[in-house]
Protein backbone atom coordinates (compact mmCIF):
# COMPACT_ATOMS: atom_id res chain seq x y z
CA UNK A 1 6.63 7.80 14.33
CA UNK A 2 7.89 8.29 10.77
CA UNK A 3 5.57 9.22 7.90
CA UNK A 4 6.25 9.96 4.24
CA UNK A 5 4.48 12.72 2.33
CA UNK A 6 4.62 12.52 -1.45
CA UNK A 7 4.94 15.76 -3.42
CA UNK A 8 5.13 16.19 -7.18
CA UNK A 9 8.29 17.90 -8.45
CA UNK A 10 8.86 19.44 -11.88
CA UNK A 11 12.56 19.26 -12.84
CA UNK A 12 13.73 21.06 -15.98
CA UNK A 13 15.28 19.09 -18.84
CA UNK A 14 18.75 19.93 -17.54
CA UNK A 15 17.90 18.77 -14.02
CA UNK A 16 16.20 15.66 -15.40
CA UNK A 17 19.38 14.79 -17.27
CA UNK A 18 21.36 15.14 -14.01
CA UNK A 19 18.90 13.00 -12.06
CA UNK A 20 18.87 10.28 -14.73
CA UNK A 21 22.66 10.30 -14.83
CA UNK A 22 22.85 9.95 -11.05
CA UNK A 23 20.33 7.11 -11.10
CA UNK A 24 22.47 5.30 -13.64
CA UNK A 25 25.59 5.83 -11.49
CA UNK A 26 23.76 4.49 -8.43
CA UNK A 27 22.61 1.49 -10.45
CA UNK A 28 26.21 0.78 -11.44
CA UNK A 29 27.35 1.11 -7.81
CA UNK A 30 24.63 -1.26 -6.58
CA UNK A 31 25.66 -3.90 -9.11
CA UNK A 32 29.37 -3.41 -8.34
CA UNK A 33 28.82 -3.85 -4.59
CA UNK A 34 26.59 -6.89 -5.17
CA UNK A 35 29.31 -8.39 -7.37
CA UNK A 36 31.82 -7.90 -4.55
CA UNK A 37 29.47 -9.60 -2.04
CA UNK A 38 28.90 -12.58 -4.35
CA UNK A 39 32.63 -12.89 -5.04
CA UNK A 40 33.48 -12.87 -1.32
CA UNK A 41 30.94 -15.60 -0.58
CA UNK A 42 32.26 -17.82 -3.37
CA UNK A 43 35.77 -17.45 -1.98
CA UNK A 44 34.55 -18.14 1.55
CA UNK A 45 35.46 -14.69 2.84
CA UNK A 46 33.33 -12.84 5.38
CA UNK A 47 32.03 -9.49 4.22
CA UNK A 48 29.75 -6.98 5.93
CA UNK A 49 28.23 -3.57 5.34
CA UNK A 50 31.27 -1.73 6.65
CA UNK A 51 33.50 -3.50 4.10
CA UNK A 52 31.36 -2.47 1.13
CA UNK A 53 31.06 1.04 2.61
CA UNK A 54 34.86 1.35 2.62
CA UNK A 55 34.94 0.01 -0.95
CA UNK A 56 32.94 3.04 -2.17
CA UNK A 57 35.90 5.32 -1.31
CA UNK A 58 38.25 3.18 -3.40
CA UNK A 59 35.76 3.00 -6.28
CA UNK A 60 35.71 6.82 -6.48
CA UNK A 61 39.33 6.66 -7.58
CA UNK A 62 38.58 4.06 -10.23
CA UNK A 63 35.33 5.70 -11.40
CA UNK A 64 35.45 9.52 -10.96
CA UNK A 65 31.79 9.75 -12.08
CA UNK A 66 30.81 8.68 -8.55
CA UNK A 67 31.81 12.16 -7.35
CA UNK A 68 28.82 13.57 -9.28
CA UNK A 69 26.50 12.01 -6.70
CA UNK A 70 26.11 13.29 -3.14
CA UNK A 71 28.07 11.05 -0.75
CA UNK A 72 25.08 10.28 1.49
CA UNK A 73 23.13 9.01 -1.53
CA UNK A 74 25.95 6.57 -2.31
CA UNK A 75 25.93 5.38 1.28
CA UNK A 76 22.19 4.71 1.06
CA UNK A 77 22.77 2.56 -2.05
CA UNK A 78 24.98 0.37 0.13
CA UNK A 79 22.32 0.40 2.86
CA UNK A 80 19.66 -0.65 0.33
CA UNK A 81 21.80 -3.58 -0.83
CA UNK A 82 22.28 -4.93 2.69
CA UNK A 83 18.60 -4.40 3.53
CA UNK A 84 17.72 -6.62 0.55
CA UNK A 85 20.25 -9.24 1.68
CA UNK A 86 18.78 -9.20 5.20
CA UNK A 87 15.22 -9.56 3.86
CA UNK A 88 16.19 -12.59 1.78
CA UNK A 89 17.92 -14.19 4.78
CA UNK A 90 14.79 -13.74 6.92
CA UNK A 91 12.60 -15.30 4.23
CA UNK A 92 14.93 -18.32 4.00
CA UNK A 93 14.83 -18.64 7.80
CA UNK A 94 11.05 -18.84 7.61
CA UNK A 95 11.23 -21.66 5.07
CA UNK A 96 10.33 -19.60 2.01
CA UNK A 97 11.81 -20.46 -1.37
CA UNK A 98 14.10 -17.62 -2.42
CA UNK A 99 16.73 -17.17 -5.09
CA UNK A 100 19.67 -14.78 -5.15
CA UNK A 101 19.66 -11.01 -5.51
CA UNK A 102 19.46 -9.86 -9.10
CA UNK A 103 21.56 -7.18 -10.70
CA UNK A 104 19.75 -3.95 -11.57
CA UNK A 105 19.22 -3.59 -15.32
CA UNK A 106 17.95 -0.83 -17.59
CA UNK A 107 15.81 1.70 -15.73
CA UNK A 108 15.13 -0.56 -12.74
CA UNK A 109 16.90 1.78 -10.27
CA UNK A 110 14.42 4.57 -9.59
CA UNK A 111 15.26 6.30 -6.28
CA UNK A 112 17.85 8.70 -4.87
CA UNK A 113 17.84 8.70 -1.07
CA UNK A 114 18.99 11.96 0.57
CA UNK A 115 19.04 10.80 4.18
CA UNK A 116 19.50 13.44 6.93
CA UNK A 117 21.45 15.89 4.73
CA UNK A 118 21.98 17.13 1.20
CA UNK A 119 18.52 18.70 0.81
CA UNK A 120 16.60 21.85 1.69
CA UNK A 121 12.98 22.91 1.13
CA UNK A 122 12.45 26.60 0.44
CA UNK A 123 8.81 27.06 1.45
CA UNK A 124 8.57 30.67 0.30
CA UNK A 125 9.77 30.03 -3.23
CA UNK A 126 8.40 26.46 -3.25
CA UNK A 127 11.72 24.98 -4.31
CA UNK A 128 13.48 21.77 -3.39
CA UNK A 129 17.27 22.22 -3.29
CA UNK A 130 19.35 19.05 -3.68
CA UNK A 131 23.12 18.82 -3.32
CA UNK A 132 24.91 18.28 -6.67
CA UNK A 133 21.55 18.51 -8.47
CA UNK A 134 20.15 22.03 -8.09
CA UNK A 135 16.77 23.67 -7.47
CA UNK A 136 13.55 21.90 -8.44
CA UNK A 137 10.03 23.38 -8.29
CA UNK A 138 7.89 21.39 -5.85
CA UNK A 139 4.11 21.37 -5.41
CA UNK A 140 3.48 21.60 -1.66
CA UNK A 141 -0.17 20.59 -1.68
CA UNK A 142 -0.26 20.01 2.09
CA UNK A 143 1.30 21.52 5.17
CA UNK A 144 4.45 19.81 6.41
CA UNK A 145 4.21 19.28 10.18
CA UNK A 146 7.08 17.58 11.94
CA UNK A 147 10.83 17.27 11.69
CA UNK A 148 12.11 16.44 8.20
CA UNK A 149 14.47 13.44 8.37
CA UNK A 150 15.11 12.83 4.69
CA UNK A 151 13.97 13.20 1.10
CA UNK A 152 13.71 10.41 -1.49
CA UNK A 153 13.55 11.36 -5.16
CA UNK A 154 11.58 8.85 -7.20
CA UNK A 155 11.06 8.46 -10.94
CA UNK A 156 7.89 6.61 -11.98
CA UNK A 157 7.43 4.46 -15.06
CA UNK A 158 5.56 7.30 -16.78
CA UNK A 159 8.61 9.58 -16.30
CA UNK A 160 6.99 11.64 -13.55
CA UNK A 161 9.13 12.77 -10.62
CA UNK A 162 8.14 12.83 -6.95
CA UNK A 163 9.79 13.82 -3.68
CA UNK A 164 8.99 11.59 -0.70
CA UNK A 165 9.52 13.76 2.36
CA UNK A 166 10.16 11.63 5.46
CA UNK A 167 8.85 13.24 8.65
CA UNK A 168 9.09 12.48 12.33
CA UNK A 169 5.60 13.31 13.62
CA UNK A 170 3.81 13.18 16.95
CA UNK A 171 0.63 11.20 17.63
CA UNK A 172 -2.71 12.63 16.54
CA UNK A 173 -5.03 14.07 19.17
CA UNK A 174 -8.36 12.45 18.27
CA UNK A 175 -10.89 12.26 21.13
CA UNK A 176 -12.16 8.87 22.24
CA UNK A 177 -15.56 7.84 20.91
CA UNK A 178 -16.24 4.77 23.05
CA UNK A 179 -17.45 2.93 19.96
CA UNK A 180 -16.35 -0.39 18.43
CA UNK A 181 -16.98 -1.86 14.97
CA UNK A 182 -16.68 -5.18 13.15
CA UNK A 183 -15.96 -5.17 9.40
CA UNK A 184 -16.60 -7.96 6.90
CA UNK A 185 -14.68 -7.60 3.61
CA UNK A 186 -16.33 -8.64 0.37
CA UNK A 187 -16.29 -8.38 -3.41
CA UNK A 188 -19.89 -7.44 -4.17
CA UNK A 189 -19.62 -4.75 -1.50
CA UNK A 190 -16.16 -3.69 -0.35
CA UNK A 191 -17.06 -3.64 3.35
CA UNK A 192 -20.11 -4.28 5.51
CA UNK A 193 -19.86 -3.25 9.15
CA UNK A 194 -21.76 -4.08 12.31
CA UNK A 195 -23.35 -0.61 12.37
CA UNK A 196 -25.26 -1.42 9.19
CA UNK A 197 -23.10 0.48 6.69
CA UNK A 198 -22.37 -1.22 3.39
CA UNK A 199 -19.66 0.43 1.30
CA UNK A 200 -19.84 0.12 -2.43
CA UNK A 201 -16.92 -1.63 -4.18
CA UNK A 202 -15.68 0.82 -6.85
CA UNK A 203 -14.12 -1.99 -8.99
CA UNK A 204 -11.71 0.42 -10.64
CA UNK A 205 -10.05 -2.28 -12.74
CA UNK A 206 -13.35 -3.25 -14.40
CA UNK A 207 -13.80 0.36 -15.49
CA UNK A 208 -10.29 0.55 -16.96
CA UNK A 209 -9.57 -2.94 -18.25
CA UNK A 210 -10.80 -2.32 -21.79
CA UNK A 211 -8.49 0.69 -22.17
CA UNK A 212 -5.60 -1.35 -20.76
CA UNK A 213 -6.21 -4.19 -23.22
CA UNK A 214 -6.40 -1.76 -26.13
CA UNK A 215 -3.11 -0.01 -25.28
CA UNK A 216 -1.37 -3.33 -24.52
CA UNK A 217 -2.41 -4.56 -27.95
CA UNK A 218 -0.98 -1.42 -29.55
CA UNK A 219 2.23 -1.78 -27.51
CA UNK A 220 2.74 -5.41 -28.55
CA UNK A 221 2.70 -4.41 -32.22
CA UNK A 222 5.36 -1.72 -31.92
CA UNK A 223 8.95 -2.46 -32.80
CA UNK A 224 11.20 -2.89 -29.79
CA UNK A 225 13.47 0.10 -29.23
CA UNK A 226 11.36 2.46 -31.37
CA UNK A 227 10.06 5.84 -30.24
CA UNK A 228 6.47 4.80 -30.94
CA UNK A 229 6.87 1.83 -28.60
CA UNK A 230 8.18 4.15 -25.87
CA UNK A 231 5.17 6.44 -26.35
CA UNK A 232 2.78 3.49 -26.06
CA UNK A 233 4.63 2.26 -22.95
CA UNK A 234 4.22 5.65 -21.27
CA UNK A 235 0.50 5.73 -22.12
CA UNK A 236 0.08 2.32 -20.48
CA UNK A 237 2.13 3.36 -17.45
CA UNK A 238 0.00 6.50 -16.97
CA UNK A 239 -3.15 4.40 -17.12
CA UNK A 240 -1.87 2.04 -14.44
CA UNK A 241 -0.76 4.98 -12.28
CA UNK A 242 -4.22 6.53 -12.51
CA UNK A 243 -5.76 3.19 -11.51
CA UNK A 244 -3.44 2.96 -8.50
CA UNK A 245 -4.14 6.57 -7.48
CA UNK A 246 -7.91 6.02 -7.59
CA UNK A 247 -7.62 2.88 -5.49
CA UNK A 248 -5.31 4.48 -2.92
CA UNK A 249 -7.55 7.55 -2.62
CA UNK A 250 -10.57 5.38 -1.82
CA UNK A 251 -8.67 3.17 0.67
CA UNK A 252 -7.10 6.12 2.49
CA UNK A 253 -10.42 7.93 2.96
CA UNK A 254 -12.36 4.85 4.03
CA UNK A 255 -9.68 3.82 6.55
CA UNK A 256 -9.63 7.40 7.86
CA UNK A 257 -13.41 7.27 8.38
CA UNK A 258 -13.13 4.16 10.58
CA UNK A 259 -10.16 5.43 12.59
CA UNK A 260 -11.83 8.78 13.28
CA UNK A 261 -15.16 7.29 14.40
CA UNK A 262 -14.25 4.09 16.28
CA UNK A 263 -11.85 3.25 19.10
CA UNK A 264 -11.60 -0.46 18.21
CA UNK A 265 -11.84 -1.88 14.70
CA UNK A 266 -12.20 -5.66 14.31
CA UNK A 267 -11.41 -7.11 10.90
CA UNK A 268 -10.76 -10.51 9.32
CA UNK A 269 -7.19 -11.79 9.06
CA UNK A 270 -7.48 -12.85 5.43
CA UNK A 271 -4.85 -14.93 3.61
CA UNK A 272 -5.24 -13.26 0.20
CA UNK A 273 -2.56 -15.38 -1.52
CA UNK A 274 -4.19 -18.70 -0.60
CA UNK A 275 -7.62 -17.30 -1.38
CA UNK A 276 -6.58 -16.45 -4.93
CA UNK A 277 -4.54 -19.62 -5.53
CA UNK A 278 -7.38 -21.93 -4.43
CA UNK A 279 -10.02 -20.11 -6.44
CA UNK A 280 -10.72 -21.25 -10.01
CA UNK A 281 -12.68 -18.19 -11.09
CA UNK A 282 -10.39 -15.72 -12.89
CA UNK A 283 -13.01 -12.96 -12.65
CA UNK A 284 -13.40 -13.40 -8.90
CA UNK A 285 -9.61 -13.45 -8.46
CA UNK A 286 -9.34 -10.20 -10.40
CA UNK A 287 -11.96 -8.58 -8.17
CA UNK A 288 -10.21 -9.83 -5.01
CA UNK A 289 -6.85 -8.42 -6.10
CA UNK A 290 -8.44 -5.18 -7.30
CA UNK A 291 -10.12 -4.68 -3.91
CA UNK A 292 -6.68 -4.48 -2.20
CA UNK A 293 -7.88 -5.73 1.18
CA UNK A 294 -4.30 -6.12 2.43
CA UNK A 295 -3.54 -2.48 1.65
CA UNK A 296 -6.71 -1.40 3.44
CA UNK A 297 -5.75 -3.36 6.57
CA UNK A 298 -2.22 -1.93 6.42
CA UNK A 299 -3.61 1.62 6.28
CA UNK A 300 -5.91 0.89 9.22
CA UNK A 301 -2.99 -0.32 11.34
CA UNK A 302 -0.63 2.60 10.75
CA UNK A 303 -3.37 5.21 11.20
CA UNK A 304 -4.62 3.47 14.34
CA UNK A 305 -1.11 3.45 15.80
CA UNK A 306 -0.75 7.19 15.32
CA UNK A 307 -4.28 7.98 16.60
CA UNK A 308 -4.01 5.67 19.64
CA UNK A 309 -6.73 3.40 18.30
CA UNK A 310 -6.76 -0.40 18.17
CA UNK A 311 -7.20 -2.73 15.18
CA UNK A 312 -7.87 -6.40 15.98
CA UNK A 313 -7.40 -9.21 13.44
CA UNK A 314 -9.88 -12.07 13.71
CA UNK A 315 -9.64 -15.62 12.39
CA UNK A 316 -12.03 -15.65 9.39
CA UNK A 317 -12.99 -19.31 9.82
CA UNK A 318 -16.81 -19.74 9.82
CA UNK A 319 -17.50 -16.03 10.35
CA UNK A 320 -20.09 -16.22 7.55
CA UNK A 321 -21.60 -19.50 8.77
CA UNK A 322 -22.10 -18.83 12.48
CA UNK A 323 -25.47 -17.45 13.53
CA UNK A 324 -24.88 -14.13 15.30
CA UNK A 325 -27.87 -14.79 17.60
CA UNK A 326 -27.57 -18.42 18.75
CA UNK A 327 -24.04 -19.39 17.65
CA UNK A 328 -25.03 -22.43 15.57
CA UNK A 329 -22.99 -23.17 12.42
CA UNK A 330 -25.14 -23.24 9.29
CA UNK A 331 -24.23 -24.56 5.85
CA UNK A 332 -24.34 -21.65 3.44
CA UNK A 333 -23.10 -21.32 -0.14
CA UNK A 334 -21.23 -18.38 -1.61
CA UNK A 335 -24.21 -17.50 -3.80
CA UNK A 336 -26.55 -17.24 -0.77
CA UNK A 337 -26.74 -13.58 0.23
CA UNK A 338 -29.34 -14.01 2.98
CA UNK A 339 -28.45 -15.80 6.21
CA UNK A 340 -31.39 -17.81 7.61
CA UNK A 341 -30.92 -19.76 10.84
CA UNK A 342 -33.25 -22.79 11.12
CA UNK A 343 -32.65 -22.98 14.89
CA UNK A 344 -33.61 -19.50 16.09
CA UNK A 345 -35.25 -18.06 12.93
CA UNK A 346 -32.69 -15.24 12.72
CA UNK A 347 -32.64 -13.71 9.24
CA UNK A 348 -30.10 -11.14 8.14
CA UNK A 349 -27.85 -10.14 5.31
CA UNK A 350 -24.97 -12.61 5.06
CA UNK A 351 -22.22 -9.96 5.32
CA UNK A 352 -23.92 -8.12 8.18
CA UNK A 353 -24.23 -11.38 10.13
CA UNK A 354 -20.50 -11.99 9.54
CA UNK A 355 -19.60 -8.49 10.75
CA UNK A 356 -21.40 -9.17 14.06
CA UNK A 357 -19.42 -12.40 14.48
CA UNK A 358 -16.16 -10.58 13.70
CA UNK A 359 -17.00 -7.92 16.29
CA UNK A 360 -17.77 -10.51 18.99
CA UNK A 361 -14.62 -12.51 18.23
CA UNK A 362 -12.43 -9.39 18.15
CA UNK A 363 -13.68 -8.20 21.53
CA UNK A 364 -13.62 -11.72 22.99
CA UNK A 365 -17.17 -11.45 24.22
CA UNK A 366 -20.00 -14.02 24.08
CA UNK A 367 -22.84 -13.74 21.64
CA UNK A 368 -25.18 -10.90 22.49
CA UNK A 369 -28.91 -11.27 21.79
CA UNK A 370 -29.76 -9.62 18.48
CA UNK A 371 -33.28 -8.30 18.50
CA UNK A 372 -33.20 -5.92 15.57
CA UNK A 373 -31.44 -5.83 12.23
CA UNK A 374 -30.30 -2.45 10.88
CA UNK A 375 -31.53 -1.34 7.50
CA UNK A 376 -28.25 -1.66 5.65
CA UNK A 377 -27.26 1.75 4.30
CA UNK A 378 -25.49 1.61 0.93
CA UNK A 379 -22.61 4.11 0.89
CA UNK A 380 -21.46 5.01 -2.61
CA UNK A 381 -17.87 5.47 -3.74
CA UNK A 382 -18.55 9.17 -4.34
CA UNK A 383 -19.66 9.69 -0.71
CA UNK A 384 -16.39 8.13 0.50
CA UNK A 385 -13.99 10.18 -1.63
CA UNK A 386 -15.85 13.44 -0.96
CA UNK A 387 -15.93 12.85 2.81
CA UNK A 388 -19.73 12.72 3.07
CA UNK A 389 -19.86 9.47 5.08
CA UNK A 390 -21.56 10.12 8.41
CA UNK A 391 -21.62 7.74 11.34
CA UNK A 392 -25.18 6.52 11.40
CA UNK A 393 -27.14 3.51 12.66
CA UNK A 394 -30.70 2.85 11.56
CA UNK A 395 -32.87 0.17 13.13
CA UNK A 396 -36.03 -1.61 12.11
CA UNK A 397 -37.95 -4.66 13.32
CA UNK A 398 -36.29 -7.99 12.55
CA UNK A 399 -37.54 -9.38 9.24
CA UNK A 400 -38.28 -12.73 10.91
């Protein structure tokens, strides 16, 4: 399978000027090819990727600046355009409302794709060599294992530069554990599993939102096009990047914990978009979006595929209302944190009860008699990011 490793690169001012110039040339090429596609459709002519690929050769005669960019990078601009066209066509086929492709403006083009050739990594000198660009110092913070298929150079909004190294890797050799787990996602606690672990929700946005509001207020008062406005914009971009890095770090390490310790992971198939649109509480919506449940599920799937594990999505309907012991459906409000069954006297934490239902539904097995309720172990954010989470199951007599 293909994986991408992201490494920070530190181009000099001269190299940065070259990279920015090439990004601008690629932006112009993208818009020119899109213009040709739109023109052909208006005239009723058929046009495909091979036609626009051949057009690049002719455009080099009209615009000699295109020769400053490695030929494979120009080809990938054409590939990117047709990938976007294909994605829009698939969305329309599914009944989604879509518009037309937009032209790239300003600094909206941010990547140079060196696919298969035009790059070299000098591991001894820790340099990335790019054709028609030069040598760039690269921070190789992790070992590269696998065959390198390509390198993508990316410029972030805060003017940082990264190299995304695309690798063809083999599957991981993680021994089987024979264990299964059900996970209930939440806002108060990020995840509660059927082994009695309750992971703290870091709520990174709540810790940063005041700084964001302050800098946004400063940015709104700056004159457009001024240097002070650009400085404020970069400060805001760095703050958002830090927020994203913190969130990704937590999600990667928590998903790694589950993949390493369980053969089968059962999780709710949540419709986040509908959940947010139907909810009237702005604070709750902010917490739902900040939790990034979709990203967590995505990370679980790709790591499970590589480690030969299995992730099962479960219909979330009534998972919080079904009694994990007798199977009766109980009316329970969102504010009720304790699940009490009037039929069998089963009492348990609401999220833990839901995780048992998710596990049973994911494995397709009938309800198993629950005699004991684990003492839910609160796992802090710090334990997750430092790798101190241990697989552990405590048991105590049922509170009923």
